[in-house]
């Protein structure tokens, strides 16, 4: 298949071409299937990072009890969310 991006992550056009190819009865080769799985993992990790950043809200100048524990709790919440990230599928764990 052509149209594969050389940058990290696959282009939407490439992913759509694979979807169309398969929906028309084609089968994915080993490399294409691994590419697709890796892209799913990358996109999941991007969403997880957004959730982690949201969990680490900057509560400066808000009605919040600021103490030595509040910052640690917010950092811990973000770290806990980041633990959900997947390992790259083509790399050893």
C-alpha atoms as a PDB file:
ATOM      1  CA  UNK A   1       0.000   0.000   0.000  1.00  0.00           C
ATOM      2  CA  UNK A   2       1.187   3.535  -0.664  1.00  0.00           C
ATOM      3  CA  UNK A   3       0.649   6.797   1.174  1.00  0.00           C
ATOM      4  CA  UNK A   4       2.413   5.750   4.377  1.00  0.00           C
ATOM      5  CA  UNK A   5       3.722   8.750   6.298  1.00  0.00           C
ATOM      6  CA  UNK A   6       7.423   8.902   7.152  1.00  0.00           C
ATOM      7  CA  UNK A   7       6.720  10.909  10.328  1.00  0.00           C
ATOM      8  CA  UNK A   8       5.878   9.291  13.664  1.00  0.00           C
ATOM      9  CA  UNK A   9       2.302   8.129  13.461  1.00  0.00           C
ATOM     10  CA  UNK A  10       0.483   7.184  10.311  1.00  0.00           C
ATOM     11  CA  UNK A  11      -1.395   9.690   8.231  1.00  0.00           C
ATOM     12  CA  UNK A  12      -5.170   9.628   8.249  1.00  0.00           C
ATOM     13  CA  UNK A  13      -5.108   9.051   4.474  1.00  0.00           C
ATOM     14  CA  UNK A  14      -3.051   5.879   4.927  1.00  0.00           C
ATOM     15  CA  UNK A  15      -5.359   4.579   7.648  1.00  0.00           C
ATOM     16  CA  UNK A  16      -8.437   5.270   5.519  1.00  0.00           C
ATOM     17  CA  UNK A  17      -6.850   3.551   2.512  1.00  0.00           C
ATOM     18  CA  UNK A  18      -6.251   0.439   4.651  1.00  0.00           C
ATOM     19  CA  UNK A  19      -9.859   0.543   5.882  1.00  0.00           C
ATOM     20  CA  UNK A  20     -11.196   0.815   2.331  1.00  0.00           C
ATOM     21  CA  UNK A  21      -8.901  -1.934   1.071  1.00  0.00           C
ATOM     22  CA  UNK A  22     -10.055  -4.344   3.782  1.00  0.00           C
ATOM     23  CA  UNK A  23     -13.734  -3.419   3.395  1.00  0.00           C
ATOM     24  CA  UNK A  24     -13.456  -4.329  -0.293  1.00  0.00           C
ATOM     25  CA  UNK A  25     -12.208  -7.816   0.582  1.00  0.00           C
ATOM     26  CA  UNK A  26      -8.462  -7.230   0.765  1.00  0.00           C
ATOM     27  CA  UNK A  27      -6.330  -8.567   3.568  1.00  0.00           C
ATOM     28  CA  UNK A  28      -3.661  -6.749   5.511  1.00  0.00           C
ATOM     29  CA  UNK A  29      -0.116  -7.973   5.376  1.00  0.00           C
ATOM     30  CA  UNK A  30       1.861  -8.479   8.557  1.00  0.00           C
ATOM     31  CA  UNK A  31       3.601  -5.075   8.307  1.00  0.00           C
ATOM     32  CA  UNK A  32       0.330  -3.224   7.634  1.00  0.00           C
ATOM     33  CA  UNK A  33      -1.374  -4.929  10.578  1.00  0.00           C
ATOM     34  CA  UNK A  34       1.514  -4.011  12.902  1.00  0.00           C
ATOM     35  CA  UNK A  35       1.429  -0.429  11.602  1.00  0.00           C
ATOM     36  CA  UNK A  36      -2.278  -0.239  12.382  1.00  0.00           C
ATOM     37  CA  UNK A  37      -1.833  -1.676  15.889  1.00  0.00           C
ATOM     38  CA  UNK A  38       1.015   0.747  16.596  1.00  0.00           C
ATOM     39  CA  UNK A  39      -1.108   3.678  15.467  1.00  0.00           C
ATOM     40  CA  UNK A  40      -3.948   2.613  17.770  1.00  0.00           C
ATOM     41  CA  UNK A  41      -1.441   2.491  20.638  1.00  0.00           C
ATOM     42  CA  UNK A  42      -0.047   5.932  19.770  1.00  0.00           C
ATOM     43  CA  UNK A  43      -3.509   7.482  19.624  1.00  0.00           C
ATOM     44  CA  UNK A  44      -4.497   5.855  22.930  1.00  0.00           C
ATOM     45  CA  UNK A  45      -1.335   7.224  24.535  1.00  0.00           C
ATOM     46  CA  UNK A  46      -2.124  10.721  23.217  1.00  0.00           C
ATOM     47  CA  UNK A  47      -5.568  10.599  24.816  1.00  0.00           C
ATOM     48  CA  UNK A  48      -4.125   9.257  28.062  1.00  0.00           C
ATOM     49  CA  UNK A  49      -1.605  12.124  28.141  1.00  0.00           C
ATOM     50  CA  UNK A  50      -4.440  14.640  27.676  1.00  0.00           C
ATOM     51  CA  UNK A  51      -6.302  13.028  30.595  1.00  0.00           C
ATOM     52  CA  UNK A  52      -3.169  13.105  32.757  1.00  0.00           C
ATOM     53  CA  UNK A  53      -2.625  16.796  31.998  1.00  0.00           C
ATOM     54  CA  UNK A  54      -6.250  17.499  32.933  1.00  0.00           C
ATOM     55  CA  UNK A  55      -5.750  15.629  36.230  1.00  0.00           C
ATOM     56  CA  UNK A  56      -2.788  17.904  37.027  1.00  0.00           C
ATOM     57  CA  UNK A  57      -4.838  21.092  36.850  1.00  0.00           C
ATOM     58  CA  UNK A  58      -3.065  24.262  37.866  1.00  0.00           C
ATOM     59  CA  UNK A  59      -5.241  25.447  40.729  1.00  0.00           C
ATOM     60  CA  UNK A  60      -3.369  28.711  41.289  1.00  0.00           C
ATOM     61  CA  UNK A  61      -5.728  31.599  42.086  1.00  0.00           C
ATOM     62  CA  UNK A  62      -8.704  29.310  42.504  1.00  0.00           C
ATOM     63  CA  UNK A  63     -10.797  28.604  45.525  1.00  0.00           C
ATOM     64  CA  UNK A  64      -8.817  25.607  46.635  1.00  0.00           C
ATOM     65  CA  UNK A  65      -7.057  24.763  49.832  1.00  0.00           C
ATOM     66  CA  UNK A  66      -3.450  25.096  48.741  1.00  0.00           C
ATOM     67  CA  UNK A  67      -1.082  23.196  50.971  1.00  0.00           C
ATOM     68  CA  UNK A  68       1.934  20.956  50.601  1.00  0.00           C
ATOM     69  CA  UNK A  69      -0.321  17.986  49.908  1.00  0.00           C
ATOM     70  CA  UNK A  70      -2.508  19.424  47.136  1.00  0.00           C
ATOM     71  CA  UNK A  71       0.286  19.687  44.567  1.00  0.00           C
ATOM     72  CA  UNK A  72       1.507  16.186  45.392  1.00  0.00           C
ATOM     73  CA  UNK A  73      -2.024  14.795  45.019  1.00  0.00           C
ATOM     74  CA  UNK A  74      -2.493  16.396  41.605  1.00  0.00           C
ATOM     75  CA  UNK A  75       0.891  15.133  40.399  1.00  0.00           C
ATOM     76  CA  UNK A  76       0.071  11.656  41.678  1.00  0.00           C
ATOM     77  CA  UNK A  77      -3.262  11.712  39.827  1.00  0.00           C
ATOM     78  CA  UNK A  78      -1.487  12.554  36.560  1.00  0.00           C
ATOM     79  CA  UNK A  79       1.160   9.892  37.156  1.00  0.00           C
ATOM     80  CA  UNK A  80      -1.526   7.282  37.837  1.00  0.00           C
ATOM     81  CA  UNK A  81      -3.259   8.113  34.552  1.00  0.00           C
ATOM     82  CA  UNK A  82       0.058   7.918  32.662  1.00  0.00           C
ATOM     83  CA  UNK A  83       0.555   4.357  33.942  1.00  0.00           C
ATOM     84  CA  UNK A  84      -2.276   3.365  31.597  1.00  0.00           C
ATOM     85  CA  UNK A  85      -0.101   4.071  28.551  1.00  0.00           C
ATOM     86  CA  UNK A  86       0.619   1.130  26.290  1.00  0.00           C
ATOM     87  CA  UNK A  87       4.038  -0.153  25.353  1.00  0.00           C
ATOM     88  CA  UNK A  88       5.064   0.196  21.700  1.00  0.00           C
ATOM     89  CA  UNK A  89       3.854  -3.012  20.086  1.00  0.00           C
ATOM     90  CA  UNK A  90       6.987  -3.611  18.012  1.00  0.00           C
ATOM     91  CA  UNK A  91       9.367  -3.098  20.926  1.00  0.00           C
ATOM     92  CA  UNK A  92      10.266  -5.491  23.716  1.00  0.00           C
ATOM     93  CA  UNK A  93       8.452  -4.714  26.972  1.00  0.00           C
END
